[in-house]
Amino acid sequence: MSLIFAMLLMFWGAYLIGKKYKDSFLISYGRRKRGMIIIASSVLLLSFFVFVKNDGLFPVVLFSILLIGLGIYYLIHDSKRDSEGKKEN
């Protein structure tokens, strides 16, 4: 459970850093690839709990499914935004 809170704090901290340093290459790359980053981190979280810890998986699995869904949403949202930006140019 504390790992879930740590991930939420990490995402919130990344948001605040990205808001302050939005012109940096690393931050702009992270914003373009945020769906893939969220999916990768949730798969890592899920694999850690499946292979290392075998007890109390239900909340972690639900949270990981939620994050994977959020990552898929951001992948679709960002690809639509990028395709609209290319049409305007």
N, C-alpha and C. Protein backbone atom coordinates (compact mmCIF):
# COMPACT_ATOMS: atom_id res chain seq x y z
N MET A 1 0.82 -1.18 0.00
CA MET A 1 0.00 0.00 0.00
C MET A 1 0.87 1.26 0.00
N SER A 2 1.97 1.21 0.72
CA SER A 2 2.85 2.37 0.74
C SER A 2 3.52 2.58 -0.61
N LEU A 3 3.69 1.50 -1.38
CA LEU A 3 4.26 1.64 -2.72
C LEU A 3 3.31 2.39 -3.65
N ILE A 4 2.02 2.18 -3.46
CA ILE A 4 1.03 2.91 -4.25
C ILE A 4 1.09 4.40 -3.94
N PHE A 5 1.19 4.74 -2.67
CA PHE A 5 1.31 6.14 -2.29
C PHE A 5 2.62 6.73 -2.81
N ALA A 6 3.68 5.94 -2.79
CA ALA A 6 4.96 6.42 -3.31
C ALA A 6 4.86 6.71 -4.81
N MET A 7 4.16 5.85 -5.55
CA MET A 7 4.00 6.10 -6.99
C MET A 7 3.15 7.34 -7.24
N LEU A 8 2.09 7.52 -6.45
CA LEU A 8 1.26 8.71 -6.61
C LEU A 8 2.06 9.98 -6.31
N LEU A 9 2.87 9.95 -5.26
CA LEU A 9 3.72 11.09 -4.94
C LEU A 9 4.76 11.33 -6.03
N MET A 10 5.26 10.25 -6.62
CA MET A 10 6.22 10.38 -7.70
C MET A 10 5.58 11.05 -8.92
N PHE A 11 4.35 10.63 -9.26
CA PHE A 11 3.66 11.25 -10.39
C PHE A 11 3.35 12.71 -10.10
N TRP A 12 2.93 13.01 -8.89
CA TRP A 12 2.63 14.39 -8.52
C TRP A 12 3.90 15.24 -8.56
N GLY A 13 4.98 14.71 -8.04
CA GLY A 13 6.25 15.42 -8.08
C GLY A 13 6.73 15.65 -9.51
N ALA A 14 6.54 14.64 -10.36
CA ALA A 14 6.92 14.80 -11.76
C ALA A 14 6.07 15.87 -12.43
N TYR A 15 4.80 15.93 -12.06
CA TYR A 15 3.92 16.97 -12.60
C TYR A 15 4.41 18.36 -12.20
N LEU A 16 4.76 18.51 -10.93
CA LEU A 16 5.23 19.82 -10.46
C LEU A 16 6.56 20.21 -11.11
N ILE A 17 7.45 19.25 -11.26
CA ILE A 17 8.73 19.54 -11.92
C ILE A 17 8.50 19.89 -13.38
N GLY A 18 7.60 19.15 -14.03
CA GLY A 18 7.29 19.43 -15.43
C GLY A 18 6.62 20.77 -15.62
N LYS A 19 5.85 21.17 -14.65
CA LYS A 19 5.18 22.47 -14.73
C LYS A 19 6.20 23.61 -14.62
N LYS A 20 7.21 23.40 -13.79
CA LYS A 20 8.21 24.45 -13.59
C LYS A 20 9.23 24.49 -14.73
N TYR A 21 9.68 23.31 -15.20
CA TYR A 21 10.72 23.22 -16.22
C TYR A 21 10.15 22.67 -17.52
N LYS A 22 9.08 23.27 -18.04
CA LYS A 22 8.39 22.70 -19.19
C LYS A 22 9.15 22.85 -20.50
N ASP A 23 10.15 23.68 -20.58
CA ASP A 23 10.89 23.86 -21.82
C ASP A 23 12.07 22.91 -21.95
N SER A 24 12.37 22.14 -20.94
CA SER A 24 13.49 21.21 -20.98
C SER A 24 13.21 20.06 -21.94
N PHE A 25 14.26 19.52 -22.56
CA PHE A 25 14.09 18.40 -23.49
C PHE A 25 13.53 17.17 -22.78
N LEU A 26 14.06 16.87 -21.62
CA LEU A 26 13.62 15.67 -20.89
C LEU A 26 12.15 15.77 -20.49
N ILE A 27 11.72 16.93 -20.05
CA ILE A 27 10.33 17.12 -19.65
C ILE A 27 9.40 17.06 -20.87
N SER A 28 9.80 17.69 -21.97
CA SER A 28 8.94 17.65 -23.16
C SER A 28 8.86 16.24 -23.74
N TYR A 29 9.96 15.48 -23.68
CA TYR A 29 9.93 14.09 -24.12
C TYR A 29 9.02 13.26 -23.21
N GLY A 30 9.10 13.51 -21.92
CA GLY A 30 8.24 12.79 -20.97
C GLY A 30 6.77 13.10 -21.17
N ARG A 31 6.46 14.32 -21.55
CA ARG A 31 5.06 14.67 -21.81
C ARG A 31 4.55 14.01 -23.09
N ARG A 32 5.43 13.88 -24.08
CA ARG A 32 5.00 13.21 -25.31
C ARG A 32 4.81 11.72 -25.11
N LYS A 33 5.60 11.13 -24.24
CA LYS A 33 5.56 9.68 -24.01
C LYS A 33 4.96 9.31 -22.66
N ARG A 34 4.09 10.14 -22.12
CA ARG A 34 3.57 9.89 -20.77
C ARG A 34 2.72 8.64 -20.69
N GLY A 35 2.00 8.29 -21.73
CA GLY A 35 1.20 7.07 -21.72
C GLY A 35 2.08 5.83 -21.58
N MET A 36 3.16 5.79 -22.35
CA MET A 36 4.06 4.64 -22.29
C MET A 36 4.79 4.59 -20.94
N ILE A 37 5.13 5.73 -20.39
CA ILE A 37 5.80 5.76 -19.08
C ILE A 37 4.87 5.24 -17.99
N ILE A 38 3.60 5.63 -18.03
CA ILE A 38 2.64 5.15 -17.04
C ILE A 38 2.41 3.66 -17.18
N ILE A 39 2.28 3.17 -18.41
CA ILE A 39 2.08 1.74 -18.62
C ILE A 39 3.29 0.95 -18.14
N ALA A 40 4.49 1.41 -18.48
CA ALA A 40 5.70 0.70 -18.06
C ALA A 40 5.85 0.68 -16.54
N SER A 41 5.57 1.79 -15.88
CA SER A 41 5.72 1.80 -14.43
C SER A 41 4.67 0.93 -13.75
N SER A 42 3.45 0.88 -14.30
CA SER A 42 2.44 0.02 -13.68
C SER A 42 2.72 -1.45 -13.93
N VAL A 43 3.30 -1.79 -15.08
CA VAL A 43 3.68 -3.18 -15.33
C VAL A 43 4.83 -3.58 -14.40
N LEU A 44 5.77 -2.67 -14.18
CA LEU A 44 6.85 -2.95 -13.23
C LEU A 44 6.31 -3.14 -11.82
N LEU A 45 5.36 -2.31 -11.42
CA LEU A 45 4.74 -2.46 -10.11
C LEU A 45 4.03 -3.79 -9.99
N LEU A 46 3.28 -4.15 -11.01
CA LEU A 46 2.55 -5.41 -10.99
C LEU A 46 3.50 -6.60 -10.98
N SER A 47 4.54 -6.55 -11.80
CA SER A 47 5.49 -7.67 -11.84
C SER A 47 6.26 -7.81 -10.53
N PHE A 48 6.55 -6.70 -9.88
CA PHE A 48 7.22 -6.78 -8.58
C PHE A 48 6.36 -7.52 -7.57
N PHE A 49 5.09 -7.18 -7.51
CA PHE A 49 4.23 -7.82 -6.54
C PHE A 49 3.90 -9.26 -6.91
N VAL A 50 3.87 -9.58 -8.18
CA VAL A 50 3.57 -10.95 -8.57
C VAL A 50 4.76 -11.86 -8.31
N PHE A 51 5.96 -11.42 -8.65
CA PHE A 51 7.13 -12.28 -8.54
C PHE A 51 7.84 -12.21 -7.19
N VAL A 52 7.73 -11.12 -6.48
CA VAL A 52 8.44 -10.98 -5.21
C VAL A 52 7.51 -11.22 -4.02
N LYS A 53 6.37 -10.56 -4.02
CA LYS A 53 5.41 -10.71 -2.93
C LYS A 53 4.21 -11.48 -3.45
N ASN A 54 3.75 -12.44 -2.69
CA ASN A 54 2.61 -13.23 -3.12
C ASN A 54 1.36 -12.96 -2.30
N ASP A 55 1.42 -12.09 -1.34
CA ASP A 55 0.25 -11.83 -0.50
C ASP A 55 -0.28 -10.41 -0.75
N GLY A 56 -1.57 -10.27 -0.65
CA GLY A 56 -2.21 -8.96 -0.79
C GLY A 56 -2.14 -8.38 -2.18
N LEU A 57 -2.38 -9.20 -3.19
CA LEU A 57 -2.25 -8.73 -4.57
C LEU A 57 -3.47 -7.98 -5.09
N PHE A 58 -4.63 -8.17 -4.52
CA PHE A 58 -5.85 -7.63 -5.10
C PHE A 58 -5.83 -6.11 -5.25
N PRO A 59 -5.48 -5.32 -4.22
CA PRO A 59 -5.46 -3.86 -4.42
C PRO A 59 -4.39 -3.42 -5.43
N VAL A 60 -3.27 -4.12 -5.44
CA VAL A 60 -2.20 -3.76 -6.36
C VAL A 60 -2.60 -4.05 -7.79
N VAL A 61 -3.27 -5.18 -8.01
CA VAL A 61 -3.73 -5.53 -9.35
C VAL A 61 -4.77 -4.52 -9.84
N LEU A 62 -5.70 -4.13 -8.98
CA LEU A 62 -6.70 -3.15 -9.37
C LEU A 62 -6.05 -1.79 -9.69
N PHE A 63 -5.11 -1.38 -8.88
CA PHE A 63 -4.42 -0.12 -9.12
C PHE A 63 -3.60 -0.18 -10.40
N SER A 64 -2.96 -1.32 -10.65
CA SER A 64 -2.18 -1.46 -11.88
C SER A 64 -3.07 -1.45 -13.11
N ILE A 65 -4.23 -2.09 -13.03
CA ILE A 65 -5.17 -2.07 -14.15
C ILE A 65 -5.65 -0.64 -14.39
N LEU A 66 -5.91 0.10 -13.33
CA LEU A 66 -6.31 1.49 -13.46
C LEU A 66 -5.21 2.31 -14.15
N LEU A 67 -3.96 2.11 -13.74
CA LEU A 67 -2.86 2.85 -14.35
C LEU A 67 -2.63 2.45 -15.80
N ILE A 68 -2.78 1.17 -16.11
CA ILE A 68 -2.64 0.73 -17.49
C ILE A 68 -3.73 1.36 -18.35
N GLY A 69 -4.95 1.41 -17.84
CA GLY A 69 -6.03 2.08 -18.57
C GLY A 69 -5.75 3.56 -18.76
N LEU A 70 -5.22 4.21 -17.73
CA LEU A 70 -4.85 5.62 -17.84
C LEU A 70 -3.75 5.83 -18.88
N GLY A 71 -2.79 4.91 -18.90
CA GLY A 71 -1.72 5.00 -19.89
C GLY A 71 -2.23 4.81 -21.30
N ILE A 72 -3.16 3.89 -21.50
CA ILE A 72 -3.76 3.69 -22.83
C ILE A 72 -4.54 4.93 -23.24
N TYR A 73 -5.26 5.53 -22.30
CA TYR A 73 -5.98 6.77 -22.60
C TYR A 73 -5.02 7.86 -23.06
N TYR A 74 -3.90 8.02 -22.34
CA TYR A 74 -2.94 9.05 -22.72
C TYR A 74 -2.27 8.74 -24.05
N LEU A 75 -2.03 7.46 -24.35
CA LEU A 75 -1.48 7.10 -25.66
C LEU A 75 -2.41 7.53 -26.78
N ILE A 76 -3.70 7.24 -26.62
CA ILE A 76 -4.68 7.61 -27.64
C ILE A 76 -4.83 9.13 -27.72
N HIS A 77 -4.92 9.77 -26.56
CA HIS A 77 -5.09 11.23 -26.52
C HIS A 77 -3.90 11.94 -27.16
N ASP A 78 -2.69 11.51 -26.83
CA ASP A 78 -1.50 12.17 -27.38
C ASP A 78 -1.33 11.89 -28.87
N SER A 79 -1.69 10.69 -29.31
CA SER A 79 -1.56 10.41 -30.74
C SER A 79 -2.56 11.24 -31.55
N LYS A 80 -3.77 11.44 -31.00
CA LYS A 80 -4.74 12.31 -31.68
C LYS A 80 -4.25 13.75 -31.72
N ARG A 81 -3.68 14.20 -30.61
CA ARG A 81 -3.17 15.57 -30.55
C ARG A 81 -2.01 15.77 -31.51
N ASP A 82 -1.12 14.78 -31.60
CA ASP A 82 0.01 14.88 -32.53
C ASP A 82 -0.45 14.86 -33.97
N SER A 83 -1.45 14.03 -34.29
CA SER A 83 -1.93 13.97 -35.67
C SER A 83 -2.66 15.25 -36.06
N GLU A 84 -3.36 15.87 -35.12
CA GLU A 84 -4.01 17.16 -35.41
C GLU A 84 -2.98 18.26 -35.59
N GLY A 85 -1.88 18.20 -34.83
CA GLY A 85 -0.82 19.19 -34.97
C GLY A 85 -0.11 19.05 -36.30
N LYS A 86 0.04 17.84 -36.83
CA LYS A 86 0.68 17.64 -38.11
C LYS A 86 -0.22 18.08 -39.26
N LYS A 87 -1.53 17.96 -39.08
CA LYS A 87 -2.47 18.39 -40.13
C LYS A 87 -2.44 19.91 -40.30
N GLU A 88 -2.23 20.64 -39.20
CA GLU A 88 -2.22 22.10 -39.26
C GLU A 88 -0.97 22.62 -39.94
N ASN A 89 0.13 21.90 -39.83
CA ASN A 89 1.40 22.38 -40.42
C ASN A 89 1.44 22.08 -41.86
